[in-house]
Amino acid sequence: MRRFLVASGFAMTALLLSGCSVFYPNWGATSLPEEPTAVVASTEATEEPVAEEVTAEPEPTASEEPTETATPEIVRIEAEVTILIADAFLDTGMLEVVAQIQGITEENGTCIMRFIGGDTEKSVSVAAQPSSDYTQCFPIEFPLSDLPSGSGIVTVQYESEYHFGTSKASSVVIP
């Protein structure tokens, strides 16, 4: 019986310790990636310089007109804007809205929150901030004192050089 308890104790210990390797997030990870070092090879002239021949370039005639280069047209892609939080916080006295654009990480975007409630329509604009795999509109805050009491809806519109989009309406109750 004693051997059985010792053997089962060793088995449980081995099982518990092997479980650590399953839950350890960096198991088998290599060292951090390093910047590649560039080696610049110096090329020196081994021959004596040869005298260059001077050639005359043809002069433009009066009939030639400069050609205009076409500027490329930027095609904007529609993005899905999702409202994560739309809530009135009494302790801060603010309507707080947090939205994100999944799958896009870009700078210089703008988020415009639009509130419609009663006979009032208000909007406020904030800068969008890139994150690891999304762009986030936060915090969009608006004073509750400037909004009518009751229910309303909130939408968030995202605008950037390459993307645009508007969220679905989210209901919010202003106390």
C-alpha atoms as a PDB file:
ATOM      1  CA  MET A   1       0.000   0.000   0.000  1.00  0.00           C
ATOM      2  CA  ARG A   2       2.870   2.319   0.850  1.00  0.00           C
ATOM      3  CA  ARG A   3       4.438   1.789  -2.582  1.00  0.00           C
ATOM      4  CA  PHE A   4       1.137   2.623  -4.225  1.00  0.00           C
ATOM      5  CA  LEU A   5       0.881   5.925  -2.314  1.00  0.00           C
ATOM      6  CA  VAL A   6       4.483   6.857  -3.135  1.00  0.00           C
ATOM      7  CA  ALA A   7       4.000   5.971  -6.810  1.00  0.00           C
ATOM      8  CA  SER A   8       0.737   7.906  -7.038  1.00  0.00           C
ATOM      9  CA  GLY A   9       2.401  10.864  -5.259  1.00  0.00           C
ATOM     10  CA  PHE A  10       5.194  10.904  -7.848  1.00  0.00           C
ATOM     11  CA  ALA A  11       2.647  10.581 -10.646  1.00  0.00           C
ATOM     12  CA  MET A  12       0.594  13.515  -9.311  1.00  0.00           C
ATOM     13  CA  THR A  13       3.721  15.656  -8.899  1.00  0.00           C
ATOM     14  CA  ALA A  14       4.831  14.868 -12.447  1.00  0.00           C
ATOM     15  CA  LEU A  15       1.349  15.643 -13.753  1.00  0.00           C
ATOM     16  CA  LEU A  16       1.189  18.964 -11.913  1.00  0.00           C
ATOM     17  CA  LEU A  17       4.632  20.043 -13.073  1.00  0.00           C
ATOM     18  CA  SER A  18       3.913  19.084 -16.668  1.00  0.00           C
ATOM     19  CA  GLY A  19       0.728  21.164 -16.449  1.00  0.00           C
ATOM     20  CA  CYS A  20       2.898  24.224 -15.807  1.00  0.00           C
ATOM     21  CA  SER A  21       4.475  23.774 -19.201  1.00  0.00           C
ATOM     22  CA  VAL A  22       1.054  23.766 -20.847  1.00  0.00           C
ATOM     23  CA  PHE A  23      -0.032  27.002 -19.219  1.00  0.00           C
ATOM     24  CA  TYR A  24       3.282  28.817 -19.465  1.00  0.00           C
ATOM     25  CA  PRO A  25       2.735  31.267 -22.360  1.00  0.00           C
ATOM     26  CA  ASN A  26       6.328  31.387 -23.625  1.00  0.00           C
ATOM     27  CA  TRP A  27       7.173  27.706 -23.549  1.00  0.00           C
ATOM     28  CA  GLY A  28       9.862  26.998 -26.116  1.00  0.00           C
ATOM     29  CA  ALA A  29      10.229  30.656 -27.042  1.00  0.00           C
ATOM     30  CA  THR A  30      13.443  31.795 -28.600  1.00  0.00           C
ATOM     31  CA  SER A  31      15.277  34.942 -27.676  1.00  0.00           C
ATOM     32  CA  LEU A  32      13.971  38.315 -28.766  1.00  0.00           C
ATOM     33  CA  PRO A  33      14.406  39.161 -32.443  1.00  0.00           C
ATOM     34  CA  GLU A  34      17.303  41.433 -33.211  1.00  0.00           C
ATOM     35  CA  GLU A  35      17.695  44.078 -35.861  1.00  0.00           C
ATOM     36  CA  PRO A  36      19.687  42.752 -38.801  1.00  0.00           C
ATOM     37  CA  THR A  37      23.041  44.422 -39.085  1.00  0.00           C
ATOM     38  CA  ALA A  38      23.865  45.787 -42.478  1.00  0.00           C
ATOM     39  CA  VAL A  39      27.414  45.440 -43.728  1.00  0.00           C
ATOM     40  CA  VAL A  40      28.419  48.155 -46.141  1.00  0.00           C
ATOM     41  CA  ALA A  41      31.150  47.078 -48.507  1.00  0.00           C
ATOM     42  CA  SER A  42      33.423  49.818 -49.713  1.00  0.00           C
ATOM     43  CA  THR A  43      34.049  49.787 -53.428  1.00  0.00           C
ATOM     44  CA  GLU A  44      37.190  51.548 -54.458  1.00  0.00           C
ATOM     45  CA  ALA A  45      38.091  52.358 -58.018  1.00  0.00           C
ATOM     46  CA  THR A  46      40.980  50.198 -59.141  1.00  0.00           C
ATOM     47  CA  GLU A  47      41.306  51.768 -62.554  1.00  0.00           C
ATOM     48  CA  GLU A  48      42.293  55.255 -63.493  1.00  0.00           C
ATOM     49  CA  PRO A  49      39.348  57.457 -64.384  1.00  0.00           C
ATOM     50  CA  VAL A  50      38.619  57.734 -68.074  1.00  0.00           C
ATOM     51  CA  ALA A  51      37.854  61.142 -69.531  1.00  0.00           C
ATOM     52  CA  GLU A  52      34.175  61.422 -70.311  1.00  0.00           C
ATOM     53  CA  GLU A  53      33.005  62.590 -73.670  1.00  0.00           C
ATOM     54  CA  VAL A  54      30.811  65.647 -73.646  1.00  0.00           C
ATOM     55  CA  THR A  55      27.591  65.111 -75.538  1.00  0.00           C
ATOM     56  CA  ALA A  56      25.177  67.846 -76.349  1.00  0.00           C
ATOM     57  CA  GLU A  57      21.610  67.316 -75.213  1.00  0.00           C
ATOM     58  CA  PRO A  58      18.937  68.256 -77.713  1.00  0.00           C
ATOM     59  CA  GLU A  59      17.226  71.500 -76.846  1.00  0.00           C
ATOM     60  CA  PRO A  60      13.457  71.429 -76.539  1.00  0.00           C
ATOM     61  CA  THR A  61      11.561  72.983 -79.382  1.00  0.00           C
ATOM     62  CA  ALA A  62       8.648  75.342 -79.023  1.00  0.00           C
ATOM     63  CA  SER A  63       6.150  72.673 -80.080  1.00  0.00           C
ATOM     64  CA  GLU A  64       6.900  70.456 -77.081  1.00  0.00           C
ATOM     65  CA  GLU A  65       4.669  71.040 -74.084  1.00  0.00           C
ATOM     66  CA  PRO A  66       5.326  69.665 -70.632  1.00  0.00           C
ATOM     67  CA  THR A  67       3.198  66.651 -69.819  1.00  0.00           C
ATOM     68  CA  GLU A  68       1.242  66.553 -66.609  1.00  0.00           C
ATOM     69  CA  THR A  69       1.663  63.584 -64.344  1.00  0.00           C
ATOM     70  CA  ALA A  70      -1.570  62.172 -63.058  1.00  0.00           C
ATOM     71  CA  THR A  71      -1.864  62.124 -59.297  1.00  0.00           C
ATOM     72  CA  PRO A  72      -3.058  58.742 -58.063  1.00  0.00           C
ATOM     73  CA  GLU A  73      -6.574  58.713 -56.716  1.00  0.00           C
ATOM     74  CA  ILE A  74      -6.871  57.412 -53.170  1.00  0.00           C
ATOM     75  CA  VAL A  75      -9.525  54.736 -52.843  1.00  0.00           C
ATOM     76  CA  ARG A  76     -11.097  54.716 -49.391  1.00  0.00           C
ATOM     77  CA  ILE A  77     -12.300  51.410 -47.989  1.00  0.00           C
ATOM     78  CA  GLU A  78     -15.326  51.062 -45.737  1.00  0.00           C
ATOM     79  CA  ALA A  79     -14.497  49.796 -42.246  1.00  0.00           C
ATOM     80  CA  GLU A  80     -16.691  48.286 -39.549  1.00  0.00           C
ATOM     81  CA  VAL A  81     -16.997  50.535 -36.498  1.00  0.00           C
ATOM     82  CA  THR A  82     -18.168  48.827 -33.299  1.00  0.00           C
ATOM     83  CA  ILE A  83     -19.331  50.640 -30.166  1.00  0.00           C
ATOM     84  CA  LEU A  84     -17.957  48.855 -27.095  1.00  0.00           C
ATOM     85  CA  ILE A  85     -19.214  51.213 -24.362  1.00  0.00           C
ATOM     86  CA  ALA A  86     -21.999  53.804 -24.494  1.00  0.00           C
ATOM     87  CA  ASP A  87     -23.019  54.724 -20.981  1.00  0.00           C
ATOM     88  CA  ALA A  88     -23.870  57.724 -18.807  1.00  0.00           C
ATOM     89  CA  PHE A  89     -21.705  57.905 -15.690  1.00  0.00           C
ATOM     90  CA  LEU A  90     -23.209  59.992 -12.884  1.00  0.00           C
ATOM     91  CA  ASP A  91     -20.030  60.037 -10.802  1.00  0.00           C
ATOM     92  CA  THR A  92     -18.071  61.801 -13.564  1.00  0.00           C
ATOM     93  CA  GLY A  93     -21.081  63.566 -15.080  1.00  0.00           C
ATOM     94  CA  MET A  94     -20.113  62.374 -18.549  1.00  0.00           C
ATOM     95  CA  LEU A  95     -21.548  60.319 -21.371  1.00  0.00           C
ATOM     96  CA  GLU A  96     -18.683  57.990 -22.248  1.00  0.00           C
ATOM     97  CA  VAL A  97     -18.437  56.191 -25.573  1.00  0.00           C
ATOM     98  CA  VAL A  98     -15.665  53.798 -26.613  1.00  0.00           C
ATOM     99  CA  ALA A  99     -15.587  52.416 -30.157  1.00  0.00           C
ATOM    100  CA  GLN A 100     -13.090  50.455 -32.208  1.00  0.00           C
ATOM    101  CA  ILE A 101     -12.319  49.674 -35.809  1.00  0.00           C
ATOM    102  CA  GLN A 102     -11.193  46.037 -35.890  1.00  0.00           C
ATOM    103  CA  GLY A 103      -8.417  44.971 -38.254  1.00  0.00           C
ATOM    104  CA  ILE A 104      -7.171  48.487 -39.008  1.00  0.00           C
ATOM    105  CA  THR A 105      -4.202  50.127 -37.321  1.00  0.00           C
ATOM    106  CA  GLU A 106      -3.620  53.614 -38.601  1.00  0.00           C
ATOM    107  CA  GLU A 107      -2.851  57.044 -37.270  1.00  0.00           C
ATOM    108  CA  ASN A 108      -4.434  60.387 -38.147  1.00  0.00           C
ATOM    109  CA  GLY A 109      -7.992  59.067 -38.062  1.00  0.00           C
ATOM    110  CA  THR A 110     -10.903  60.963 -36.523  1.00  0.00           C
ATOM    111  CA  CYS A 111     -13.881  59.635 -34.585  1.00  0.00           C
ATOM    112  CA  ILE A 112     -17.099  61.643 -34.473  1.00  0.00           C
ATOM    113  CA  MET A 113     -19.657  60.678 -31.821  1.00  0.00           C
ATOM    114  CA  ARG A 114     -23.218  61.780 -32.570  1.00  0.00           C
ATOM    115  CA  PHE A 115     -25.937  61.809 -29.890  1.00  0.00           C
ATOM    116  CA  ILE A 116     -29.626  62.157 -30.771  1.00  0.00           C
ATOM    117  CA  GLY A 117     -32.141  62.390 -27.940  1.00  0.00           C
ATOM    118  CA  GLY A 118     -35.436  64.228 -27.628  1.00  0.00           C
ATOM    119  CA  ASP A 119     -35.132  67.252 -29.885  1.00  0.00           C
ATOM    120  CA  THR A 120     -31.366  67.571 -29.355  1.00  0.00           C
ATOM    121  CA  GLU A 121     -28.543  66.484 -31.611  1.00  0.00           C
ATOM    122  CA  LYS A 122     -24.965  66.866 -30.386  1.00  0.00           C
ATOM    123  CA  SER A 123     -21.645  65.718 -31.792  1.00  0.00           C
ATOM    124  CA  VAL A 124     -18.045  65.717 -30.655  1.00  0.00           C
ATOM    125  CA  SER A 125     -14.861  64.759 -32.484  1.00  0.00           C
ATOM    126  CA  VAL A 126     -11.771  63.023 -31.049  1.00  0.00           C
ATOM    127  CA  ALA A 127      -8.585  61.577 -32.500  1.00  0.00           C
ATOM    128  CA  ALA A 128      -8.409  57.849 -33.136  1.00  0.00           C
ATOM    129  CA  GLN A 129      -5.510  55.912 -31.643  1.00  0.00           C
ATOM    130  CA  PRO A 130      -3.866  52.850 -33.224  1.00  0.00           C
ATOM    131  CA  SER A 131      -3.424  49.705 -31.164  1.00  0.00           C
ATOM    132  CA  SER A 132      -2.003  46.251 -31.864  1.00  0.00           C
ATOM    133  CA  ASP A 133      -4.644  45.012 -34.315  1.00  0.00           C
ATOM    134  CA  TYR A 134      -7.330  47.685 -34.220  1.00  0.00           C
ATOM    135  CA  THR A 135      -7.851  51.430 -34.058  1.00  0.00           C
ATOM    136  CA  GLN A 136      -9.725  52.751 -31.047  1.00  0.00           C
ATOM    137  CA  CYS A 137     -11.885  55.829 -30.554  1.00  0.00           C
ATOM    138  CA  PHE A 138     -11.542  56.614 -26.896  1.00  0.00           C
ATOM    139  CA  PRO A 139     -12.396  58.228 -24.700  1.00  0.00           C
ATOM    140  CA  ILE A 140     -15.255  60.077 -26.308  1.00  0.00           C
ATOM    141  CA  GLU A 141     -16.774  62.049 -23.460  1.00  0.00           C
ATOM    142  CA  PHE A 142     -19.633  64.524 -23.452  1.00  0.00           C
ATOM    143  CA  PRO A 143     -21.014  66.379 -20.391  1.00  0.00           C
ATOM    144  CA  LEU A 144     -24.371  65.009 -19.204  1.00  0.00           C
ATOM    145  CA  SER A 145     -25.435  68.550 -18.292  1.00  0.00           C
ATOM    146  CA  ASP A 146     -25.533  69.416 -22.023  1.00  0.00           C
ATOM    147  CA  LEU A 147     -27.793  66.459 -22.873  1.00  0.00           C
ATOM    148  CA  PRO A 148     -31.541  66.078 -22.293  1.00  0.00           C
ATOM    149  CA  SER A 149     -32.748  63.476 -19.789  1.00  0.00           C
ATOM    150  CA  GLY A 150     -34.288  60.334 -21.205  1.00  0.00           C
ATOM    151  CA  SER A 151     -33.316  57.853 -23.847  1.00  0.00           C
ATOM    152  CA  GLY A 152     -31.243  58.600 -26.891  1.00  0.00           C
ATOM    153  CA  ILE A 153     -29.050  56.954 -29.480  1.00  0.00           C
ATOM    154  CA  VAL A 154     -25.343  57.235 -30.137  1.00  0.00           C
ATOM    155  CA  THR A 155     -23.410  56.544 -33.341  1.00  0.00           C
ATOM    156  CA  VAL A 156     -19.688  56.798 -34.025  1.00  0.00           C
ATOM    157  CA  GLN A 157     -18.322  57.738 -37.426  1.00  0.00           C
ATOM    158  CA  TYR A 158     -14.683  57.026 -38.349  1.00  0.00           C
ATOM    159  CA  GLU A 159     -12.835  59.024 -41.007  1.00  0.00           C
ATOM    160  CA  SER A 160      -9.245  58.705 -42.220  1.00  0.00           C
ATOM    161  CA  GLU A 161      -7.326  59.080 -45.442  1.00  0.00           C
ATOM    162  CA  TYR A 162      -7.845  55.420 -46.370  1.00  0.00           C
ATOM    163  CA  HIS A 163     -10.922  54.250 -44.411  1.00  0.00           C
ATOM    164  CA  PHE A 164     -14.394  55.382 -43.370  1.00  0.00           C
ATOM    165  CA  GLY A 165     -17.307  53.857 -41.536  1.00  0.00           C
ATOM    166  CA  THR A 166     -20.255  54.422 -39.220  1.00  0.00           C
ATOM    167  CA  SER A 167     -21.332  52.217 -36.332  1.00  0.00           C
ATOM    168  CA  LYS A 168     -24.800  50.866 -35.714  1.00  0.00           C
ATOM    169  CA  ALA A 169     -26.858  53.014 -33.361  1.00  0.00           C
ATOM    170  CA  SER A 170     -26.497  52.189 -29.683  1.00  0.00           C
ATOM    171  CA  SER A 171     -29.164  53.220 -27.185  1.00  0.00           C
ATOM    172  CA  VAL A 172     -28.238  55.116 -24.050  1.00  0.00           C
ATOM    173  CA  VAL A 173     -30.272  56.467 -21.121  1.00  0.00           C
ATOM    174  CA  ILE A 174     -29.391  59.913 -19.800  1.00  0.00           C
ATOM    175  CA  PRO A 175     -30.500  60.323 -16.150  1.00  0.00           C
END
